[in-house]
N, C-alpha and C. Protein backbone atom coordinates (compact mmCIF):
# COMPACT_ATOMS: atom_id res chain seq x y z
N MET A 1 7.36 18.63 11.96
CA MET A 1 6.02 18.68 12.46
C MET A 1 6.01 18.37 13.96
N ASN A 2 6.76 17.34 14.36
CA ASN A 2 6.82 16.99 15.77
C ASN A 2 7.41 18.13 16.60
N THR A 3 8.43 18.78 16.06
CA THR A 3 9.05 19.89 16.77
C THR A 3 8.07 21.05 16.93
N LEU A 4 7.35 21.37 15.88
CA LEU A 4 6.37 22.45 15.93
C LEU A 4 5.30 22.18 16.99
N ILE A 5 4.79 20.96 17.01
CA ILE A 5 3.76 20.61 17.98
C ILE A 5 4.34 20.63 19.40
N ALA A 6 5.53 20.08 19.57
CA ALA A 6 6.15 20.04 20.89
C ALA A 6 6.43 21.44 21.42
N VAL A 7 6.94 22.32 20.57
CA VAL A 7 7.23 23.68 21.01
C VAL A 7 5.94 24.44 21.33
N GLY A 8 4.94 24.32 20.47
CA GLY A 8 3.68 25.02 20.69
C GLY A 8 2.94 24.55 21.93
N THR A 9 2.79 23.24 22.09
CA THR A 9 2.08 22.73 23.26
C THR A 9 2.90 22.91 24.52
N GLY A 10 4.22 22.81 24.41
CA GLY A 10 5.08 23.04 25.58
C GLY A 10 4.99 24.48 26.06
N ALA A 11 5.00 25.43 25.13
CA ALA A 11 4.90 26.84 25.50
C ALA A 11 3.55 27.14 26.14
N ALA A 12 2.48 26.57 25.58
CA ALA A 12 1.14 26.79 26.15
C ALA A 12 1.04 26.17 27.54
N TYR A 13 1.66 25.03 27.73
CA TYR A 13 1.60 24.36 29.03
C TYR A 13 2.39 25.16 30.08
N VAL A 14 3.60 25.61 29.71
CA VAL A 14 4.41 26.41 30.65
C VAL A 14 3.70 27.73 30.97
N TYR A 15 3.11 28.37 29.96
CA TYR A 15 2.35 29.60 30.17
C TYR A 15 1.21 29.35 31.15
N SER A 16 0.51 28.22 30.99
CA SER A 16 -0.60 27.89 31.87
C SER A 16 -0.11 27.60 33.29
N LEU A 17 1.03 26.93 33.43
CA LEU A 17 1.58 26.68 34.76
C LEU A 17 1.92 27.99 35.47
N VAL A 18 2.56 28.91 34.75
CA VAL A 18 2.90 30.21 35.34
C VAL A 18 1.62 30.96 35.72
N ALA A 19 0.61 30.91 34.86
CA ALA A 19 -0.66 31.60 35.15
C ALA A 19 -1.38 30.96 36.33
N THR A 20 -1.17 29.69 36.54
CA THR A 20 -1.83 29.00 37.66
C THR A 20 -1.12 29.27 38.98
N PHE A 21 0.21 29.14 39.03
CA PHE A 21 0.95 29.23 40.28
C PHE A 21 1.50 30.63 40.58
N LEU A 22 1.69 31.46 39.57
CA LEU A 22 2.18 32.84 39.76
C LEU A 22 1.31 33.82 38.98
N PRO A 23 0.01 33.94 39.34
CA PRO A 23 -0.87 34.81 38.56
C PRO A 23 -0.50 36.30 38.65
N GLY A 24 0.25 36.67 39.69
CA GLY A 24 0.65 38.06 39.86
C GLY A 24 1.54 38.56 38.74
N VAL A 25 2.28 37.67 38.10
CA VAL A 25 3.16 38.05 36.99
C VAL A 25 2.34 38.69 35.87
N PHE A 26 1.18 38.12 35.59
CA PHE A 26 0.34 38.62 34.50
C PHE A 26 -0.50 39.83 34.92
N THR A 27 -0.99 39.82 36.17
CA THR A 27 -1.83 40.95 36.61
C THR A 27 -1.02 42.24 36.72
N ARG A 28 0.24 42.15 37.14
CA ARG A 28 1.09 43.34 37.21
C ARG A 28 1.35 43.92 35.82
N ALA A 29 1.40 43.06 34.81
CA ALA A 29 1.65 43.52 33.45
C ALA A 29 0.35 43.93 32.77
N GLY A 30 -0.77 43.77 33.46
CA GLY A 30 -2.06 44.15 32.88
C GLY A 30 -2.61 43.13 31.89
N LEU A 31 -2.15 41.89 31.99
CA LEU A 31 -2.59 40.82 31.09
C LEU A 31 -3.46 39.83 31.86
N PRO A 32 -4.41 39.23 31.17
CA PRO A 32 -5.21 38.20 31.85
C PRO A 32 -4.38 36.92 32.01
N GLY A 33 -4.56 36.23 33.09
CA GLY A 33 -3.81 34.99 33.35
C GLY A 33 -4.58 33.77 32.86
N ASP A 34 -4.82 33.71 31.57
CA ASP A 34 -5.57 32.58 31.00
C ASP A 34 -4.74 31.29 31.04
N VAL A 35 -5.45 30.18 31.11
CA VAL A 35 -4.78 28.87 31.08
C VAL A 35 -5.24 28.12 29.82
N TYR A 36 -4.36 27.28 29.34
CA TYR A 36 -4.60 26.57 28.08
C TYR A 36 -4.41 25.06 28.21
N TYR A 37 -4.70 24.51 29.39
CA TYR A 37 -4.51 23.07 29.59
C TYR A 37 -5.36 22.24 28.63
N GLU A 38 -6.63 22.65 28.45
CA GLU A 38 -7.52 21.87 27.58
C GLU A 38 -7.06 21.93 26.12
N ALA A 39 -6.53 23.06 25.69
CA ALA A 39 -6.04 23.17 24.32
C ALA A 39 -4.82 22.26 24.12
N VAL A 40 -3.93 22.26 25.11
CA VAL A 40 -2.74 21.42 25.02
C VAL A 40 -3.13 19.94 24.96
N SER A 41 -4.03 19.54 25.87
CA SER A 41 -4.42 18.12 25.90
C SER A 41 -5.20 17.74 24.63
N SER A 42 -6.02 18.64 24.10
CA SER A 42 -6.77 18.35 22.87
C SER A 42 -5.84 18.19 21.67
N ILE A 43 -4.88 19.08 21.54
CA ILE A 43 -3.94 19.01 20.43
C ILE A 43 -3.16 17.71 20.47
N ILE A 44 -2.65 17.36 21.66
CA ILE A 44 -1.87 16.12 21.78
C ILE A 44 -2.76 14.91 21.53
N ALA A 45 -4.01 14.94 22.01
CA ALA A 45 -4.93 13.82 21.76
C ALA A 45 -5.22 13.66 20.28
N PHE A 46 -5.43 14.77 19.56
CA PHE A 46 -5.69 14.68 18.12
C PHE A 46 -4.47 14.15 17.36
N ILE A 47 -3.29 14.58 17.75
CA ILE A 47 -2.06 14.11 17.10
C ILE A 47 -1.90 12.60 17.33
N LEU A 48 -2.12 12.15 18.56
CA LEU A 48 -1.99 10.72 18.85
C LEU A 48 -3.06 9.91 18.13
N LEU A 49 -4.27 10.43 18.04
CA LEU A 49 -5.34 9.75 17.31
C LEU A 49 -4.98 9.64 15.82
N GLY A 50 -4.45 10.71 15.26
CA GLY A 50 -4.03 10.71 13.86
C GLY A 50 -2.94 9.69 13.61
N ARG A 51 -1.99 9.59 14.51
CA ARG A 51 -0.91 8.61 14.35
C ARG A 51 -1.45 7.18 14.47
N LEU A 52 -2.40 6.97 15.37
CA LEU A 52 -3.01 5.66 15.51
C LEU A 52 -3.74 5.26 14.23
N LEU A 53 -4.53 6.18 13.68
CA LEU A 53 -5.26 5.89 12.45
C LEU A 53 -4.30 5.65 11.28
N GLU A 54 -3.22 6.41 11.22
CA GLU A 54 -2.23 6.23 10.16
C GLU A 54 -1.56 4.87 10.27
N ALA A 55 -1.20 4.46 11.49
CA ALA A 55 -0.56 3.16 11.68
C ALA A 55 -1.52 2.03 11.31
N ARG A 56 -2.79 2.17 11.67
CA ARG A 56 -3.78 1.15 11.30
C ARG A 56 -3.93 1.05 9.79
N ALA A 57 -3.99 2.21 9.13
CA ALA A 57 -4.14 2.21 7.67
C ALA A 57 -2.91 1.59 7.00
N LYS A 58 -1.72 1.90 7.49
CA LYS A 58 -0.50 1.32 6.93
C LYS A 58 -0.48 -0.19 7.13
N GLY A 59 -0.89 -0.63 8.30
CA GLY A 59 -0.92 -2.06 8.58
C GLY A 59 -1.89 -2.79 7.68
N ARG A 60 -3.08 -2.22 7.48
CA ARG A 60 -4.06 -2.85 6.61
C ARG A 60 -3.59 -2.85 5.15
N THR A 61 -2.96 -1.77 4.73
CA THR A 61 -2.45 -1.70 3.36
C THR A 61 -1.35 -2.73 3.15
N SER A 62 -0.44 -2.85 4.11
CA SER A 62 0.63 -3.84 3.99
C SER A 62 0.06 -5.25 3.92
N GLU A 63 -0.93 -5.53 4.75
CA GLU A 63 -1.56 -6.86 4.73
C GLU A 63 -2.25 -7.12 3.39
N ALA A 64 -2.94 -6.11 2.86
CA ALA A 64 -3.62 -6.27 1.56
C ALA A 64 -2.62 -6.51 0.45
N VAL A 65 -1.50 -5.81 0.46
CA VAL A 65 -0.47 -6.01 -0.58
C VAL A 65 0.14 -7.40 -0.44
N ARG A 66 0.37 -7.86 0.80
CA ARG A 66 0.90 -9.19 1.03
C ARG A 66 -0.06 -10.26 0.50
N ARG A 67 -1.35 -10.09 0.78
CA ARG A 67 -2.35 -11.05 0.30
C ARG A 67 -2.46 -11.01 -1.21
N LEU A 68 -2.37 -9.82 -1.80
CA LEU A 68 -2.43 -9.69 -3.25
C LEU A 68 -1.24 -10.38 -3.91
N ALA A 69 -0.07 -10.21 -3.34
CA ALA A 69 1.12 -10.86 -3.88
C ALA A 69 1.01 -12.38 -3.77
N GLY A 70 0.28 -12.86 -2.77
CA GLY A 70 0.10 -14.30 -2.61
C GLY A 70 -0.83 -14.91 -3.64
N LEU A 71 -1.55 -14.08 -4.40
CA LEU A 71 -2.48 -14.59 -5.40
C LEU A 71 -1.81 -14.97 -6.72
N LYS A 72 -0.58 -14.53 -6.93
CA LYS A 72 0.06 -14.84 -8.21
C LYS A 72 0.38 -16.32 -8.31
N ALA A 73 0.44 -16.81 -9.53
CA ALA A 73 0.73 -18.22 -9.77
C ALA A 73 2.15 -18.53 -9.32
N LYS A 74 2.30 -19.65 -8.63
CA LYS A 74 3.62 -20.04 -8.14
C LYS A 74 4.26 -21.08 -9.06
N ARG A 75 3.44 -21.82 -9.78
CA ARG A 75 3.94 -22.86 -10.67
C ARG A 75 3.38 -22.65 -12.06
N ALA A 76 4.11 -23.10 -13.06
CA ALA A 76 3.67 -22.97 -14.45
C ALA A 76 3.94 -24.28 -15.19
N HIS A 77 3.07 -24.59 -16.14
CA HIS A 77 3.27 -25.74 -17.02
C HIS A 77 4.00 -25.22 -18.26
N VAL A 78 5.17 -25.78 -18.53
CA VAL A 78 6.03 -25.30 -19.62
C VAL A 78 6.27 -26.43 -20.61
N LEU A 79 6.15 -26.11 -21.91
CA LEU A 79 6.49 -27.07 -22.97
C LEU A 79 7.94 -26.85 -23.37
N ARG A 80 8.78 -27.85 -23.08
CA ARG A 80 10.19 -27.81 -23.47
C ARG A 80 10.53 -29.12 -24.17
N ASP A 81 11.06 -29.03 -25.34
CA ASP A 81 11.42 -30.22 -26.13
C ASP A 81 10.23 -31.16 -26.32
N GLY A 82 9.04 -30.57 -26.50
CA GLY A 82 7.85 -31.36 -26.75
C GLY A 82 7.25 -32.01 -25.52
N LYS A 83 7.88 -31.82 -24.35
CA LYS A 83 7.36 -32.40 -23.11
C LYS A 83 6.85 -31.30 -22.20
N GLU A 84 5.70 -31.56 -21.59
CA GLU A 84 5.13 -30.58 -20.66
C GLU A 84 5.65 -30.90 -19.26
N THR A 85 6.26 -29.90 -18.64
CA THR A 85 6.77 -30.07 -17.27
C THR A 85 6.21 -28.96 -16.40
N GLU A 86 6.09 -29.26 -15.14
CA GLU A 86 5.64 -28.24 -14.19
C GLU A 86 6.87 -27.69 -13.50
N THR A 87 6.97 -26.37 -13.47
CA THR A 87 8.14 -25.72 -12.88
C THR A 87 7.70 -24.47 -12.14
N VAL A 88 8.60 -23.92 -11.35
CA VAL A 88 8.30 -22.67 -10.66
C VAL A 88 8.29 -21.54 -11.68
N VAL A 89 7.49 -20.53 -11.45
CA VAL A 89 7.34 -19.43 -12.41
C VAL A 89 8.67 -18.71 -12.64
N GLU A 90 9.50 -18.62 -11.61
CA GLU A 90 10.77 -17.91 -11.76
C GLU A 90 11.71 -18.59 -12.75
N ALA A 91 11.49 -19.90 -13.01
CA ALA A 91 12.36 -20.64 -13.93
C ALA A 91 11.92 -20.49 -15.39
N VAL A 92 10.80 -19.83 -15.65
CA VAL A 92 10.34 -19.63 -17.02
C VAL A 92 11.20 -18.56 -17.67
N VAL A 93 11.72 -18.87 -18.85
CA VAL A 93 12.59 -17.94 -19.57
C VAL A 93 11.92 -17.55 -20.88
N PRO A 94 12.30 -16.42 -21.47
CA PRO A 94 11.74 -16.06 -22.77
C PRO A 94 12.00 -17.16 -23.78
N GLY A 95 10.98 -17.51 -24.54
CA GLY A 95 11.08 -18.58 -25.51
C GLY A 95 10.37 -19.84 -25.06
N ASP A 96 10.14 -19.99 -23.76
CA ASP A 96 9.39 -21.13 -23.25
C ASP A 96 7.93 -20.98 -23.62
N LEU A 97 7.27 -22.10 -23.91
CA LEU A 97 5.84 -22.09 -24.16
C LEU A 97 5.15 -22.44 -22.85
N VAL A 98 4.37 -21.52 -22.33
CA VAL A 98 3.65 -21.72 -21.08
C VAL A 98 2.24 -22.19 -21.40
N VAL A 99 1.84 -23.29 -20.81
CA VAL A 99 0.50 -23.84 -21.01
C VAL A 99 -0.34 -23.46 -19.81
N VAL A 100 -1.43 -22.74 -20.06
CA VAL A 100 -2.36 -22.37 -18.99
C VAL A 100 -3.62 -23.19 -19.19
N LYS A 101 -3.87 -24.09 -18.25
CA LYS A 101 -5.02 -24.98 -18.34
C LYS A 101 -6.25 -24.29 -17.77
N PRO A 102 -7.44 -24.73 -18.16
CA PRO A 102 -8.67 -24.10 -17.66
C PRO A 102 -8.70 -24.11 -16.13
N GLY A 103 -9.03 -22.97 -15.57
CA GLY A 103 -9.13 -22.83 -14.12
C GLY A 103 -7.83 -22.46 -13.43
N GLU A 104 -6.71 -22.49 -14.14
CA GLU A 104 -5.43 -22.13 -13.54
C GLU A 104 -5.20 -20.63 -13.64
N LYS A 105 -4.32 -20.15 -12.79
CA LYS A 105 -3.91 -18.75 -12.85
C LYS A 105 -2.86 -18.61 -13.95
N ALA A 106 -2.97 -17.55 -14.73
CA ALA A 106 -1.98 -17.30 -15.77
C ALA A 106 -0.74 -16.71 -15.11
N PRO A 107 0.42 -17.36 -15.24
CA PRO A 107 1.62 -16.84 -14.60
C PRO A 107 2.10 -15.56 -15.27
N SER A 108 2.71 -14.72 -14.50
CA SER A 108 3.28 -13.49 -15.02
C SER A 108 4.66 -13.83 -15.57
N THR A 109 4.80 -13.76 -16.88
CA THR A 109 6.06 -14.14 -17.52
C THR A 109 6.61 -12.96 -18.31
N PRO A 110 7.92 -12.91 -18.50
CA PRO A 110 8.51 -11.80 -19.24
C PRO A 110 8.24 -11.84 -20.73
N SER A 111 7.88 -13.01 -21.27
CA SER A 111 7.64 -13.08 -22.71
C SER A 111 6.16 -12.94 -23.00
N GLY A 112 5.83 -12.65 -24.23
CA GLY A 112 4.44 -12.50 -24.62
C GLY A 112 3.85 -13.81 -25.10
N SER A 113 2.69 -13.74 -25.75
CA SER A 113 2.03 -14.92 -26.28
C SER A 113 2.64 -15.26 -27.63
N SER A 114 2.99 -16.55 -27.85
CA SER A 114 3.60 -16.90 -29.12
C SER A 114 2.80 -17.94 -29.90
N GLU A 115 1.88 -18.64 -29.26
CA GLU A 115 1.14 -19.67 -29.95
C GLU A 115 -0.24 -19.78 -29.31
N GLY A 116 -1.26 -19.91 -30.13
CA GLY A 116 -2.62 -19.99 -29.60
C GLY A 116 -3.10 -18.63 -29.14
N SER A 117 -4.22 -18.63 -28.52
CA SER A 117 -4.72 -17.37 -27.98
C SER A 117 -5.45 -17.67 -26.69
N ARG A 118 -5.71 -16.64 -25.94
CA ARG A 118 -6.46 -16.82 -24.70
C ARG A 118 -7.38 -15.64 -24.51
N SER A 119 -8.43 -15.90 -23.81
CA SER A 119 -9.37 -14.85 -23.44
C SER A 119 -9.57 -14.96 -21.95
N SER A 120 -9.32 -13.88 -21.24
CA SER A 120 -9.49 -13.91 -19.79
C SER A 120 -10.28 -12.70 -19.35
N PRO A 121 -11.01 -12.83 -18.24
CA PRO A 121 -11.75 -11.69 -17.75
C PRO A 121 -10.79 -10.59 -17.28
N CYS A 122 -11.03 -9.37 -17.75
CA CYS A 122 -10.16 -8.25 -17.36
C CYS A 122 -10.23 -7.99 -15.87
N ARG A 123 -11.37 -8.25 -15.26
CA ARG A 123 -11.53 -7.95 -13.84
C ARG A 123 -10.47 -8.66 -13.01
N SER A 124 -10.00 -9.81 -13.47
CA SER A 124 -9.03 -10.57 -12.68
C SER A 124 -7.66 -9.89 -12.62
N TRP A 125 -7.32 -9.05 -13.60
CA TRP A 125 -6.00 -8.44 -13.56
C TRP A 125 -5.99 -6.93 -13.70
N CYS A 126 -7.12 -6.31 -14.09
CA CYS A 126 -7.09 -4.84 -14.18
C CYS A 126 -8.28 -4.19 -13.51
N GLY A 127 -9.30 -4.97 -13.10
CA GLY A 127 -10.40 -4.40 -12.35
C GLY A 127 -11.56 -3.90 -13.17
N ARG A 128 -11.47 -3.87 -14.50
CA ARG A 128 -12.60 -3.39 -15.29
C ARG A 128 -13.35 -4.56 -15.89
N ALA A 129 -14.59 -4.34 -16.22
CA ALA A 129 -15.43 -5.40 -16.76
C ALA A 129 -15.03 -5.72 -18.19
N GLY A 130 -15.38 -6.91 -18.66
CA GLY A 130 -15.09 -7.31 -20.03
C GLY A 130 -14.02 -8.37 -20.05
N SER A 131 -13.57 -8.73 -21.24
CA SER A 131 -12.51 -9.72 -21.36
C SER A 131 -11.47 -9.23 -22.35
N SER A 132 -10.32 -9.85 -22.29
CA SER A 132 -9.21 -9.47 -23.16
C SER A 132 -8.69 -10.72 -23.85
N THR A 133 -8.45 -10.63 -25.14
CA THR A 133 -7.91 -11.76 -25.89
C THR A 133 -6.48 -11.44 -26.28
N VAL A 134 -5.58 -12.37 -26.01
CA VAL A 134 -4.18 -12.21 -26.37
C VAL A 134 -3.90 -13.16 -27.52
N GLU A 135 -3.46 -12.61 -28.63
CA GLU A 135 -3.17 -13.39 -29.84
C GLU A 135 -1.67 -13.64 -29.94
N PRO A 136 -1.25 -14.58 -30.79
CA PRO A 136 0.18 -14.84 -30.97
C PRO A 136 0.95 -13.58 -31.37
N GLY A 137 2.10 -13.39 -30.77
CA GLY A 137 2.94 -12.24 -31.07
C GLY A 137 2.64 -11.02 -30.23
N ALA A 138 1.48 -11.02 -29.55
CA ALA A 138 1.11 -9.88 -28.71
C ALA A 138 1.70 -10.06 -27.33
N ALA A 139 2.04 -8.96 -26.69
CA ALA A 139 2.54 -9.03 -25.33
C ALA A 139 1.39 -9.47 -24.43
N SER A 140 1.70 -10.35 -23.48
CA SER A 140 0.63 -10.78 -22.57
C SER A 140 0.28 -9.64 -21.65
N ALA A 141 -0.91 -9.71 -21.09
CA ALA A 141 -1.38 -8.64 -20.21
C ALA A 141 -0.56 -8.56 -18.94
N THR A 142 0.08 -9.66 -18.58
CA THR A 142 0.86 -9.66 -17.34
C THR A 142 2.34 -9.42 -17.59
N ALA A 143 2.75 -9.34 -18.85
CA ALA A 143 4.16 -9.12 -19.17
C ALA A 143 4.52 -7.66 -18.97
N PRO A 144 5.73 -7.37 -18.51
CA PRO A 144 6.14 -5.98 -18.37
C PRO A 144 6.18 -5.28 -19.72
N ARG A 145 5.73 -4.06 -19.79
CA ARG A 145 5.73 -3.27 -21.03
C ARG A 145 7.08 -2.61 -21.20
N THR A 146 7.60 -2.63 -22.45
CA THR A 146 8.88 -1.97 -22.70
C THR A 146 8.70 -0.88 -23.71
């Protein structure tokens, strides 16, 4: 794309320079000596504007994804050997019982629900209205599907 634009605008610019400084070349051939400076500058301006808008959109998208990733739970309450301990989410392994207390974020874990049930608003993890209940044995809404 860059090559196409560079060749096209370069040819129009060189043609316009020849038509400006050596108009006799075109009049002898019976051609009008038109110039295309405004077309060249408009095309380049539109391309640069498009690149600016694209860079802004990419920057905003990257920032939004970064902020979204920051919303996930960083710590989880885990029941191991009958004792509740607080640990980092990455240390949760399949078979651990994760306790989600009221008001806490449900950590994204590889295992499903094994005991009790929970009901959470769908809007918090999928964007649609309503709520979802996860029963024992069911894969959690945040667990990867296999």
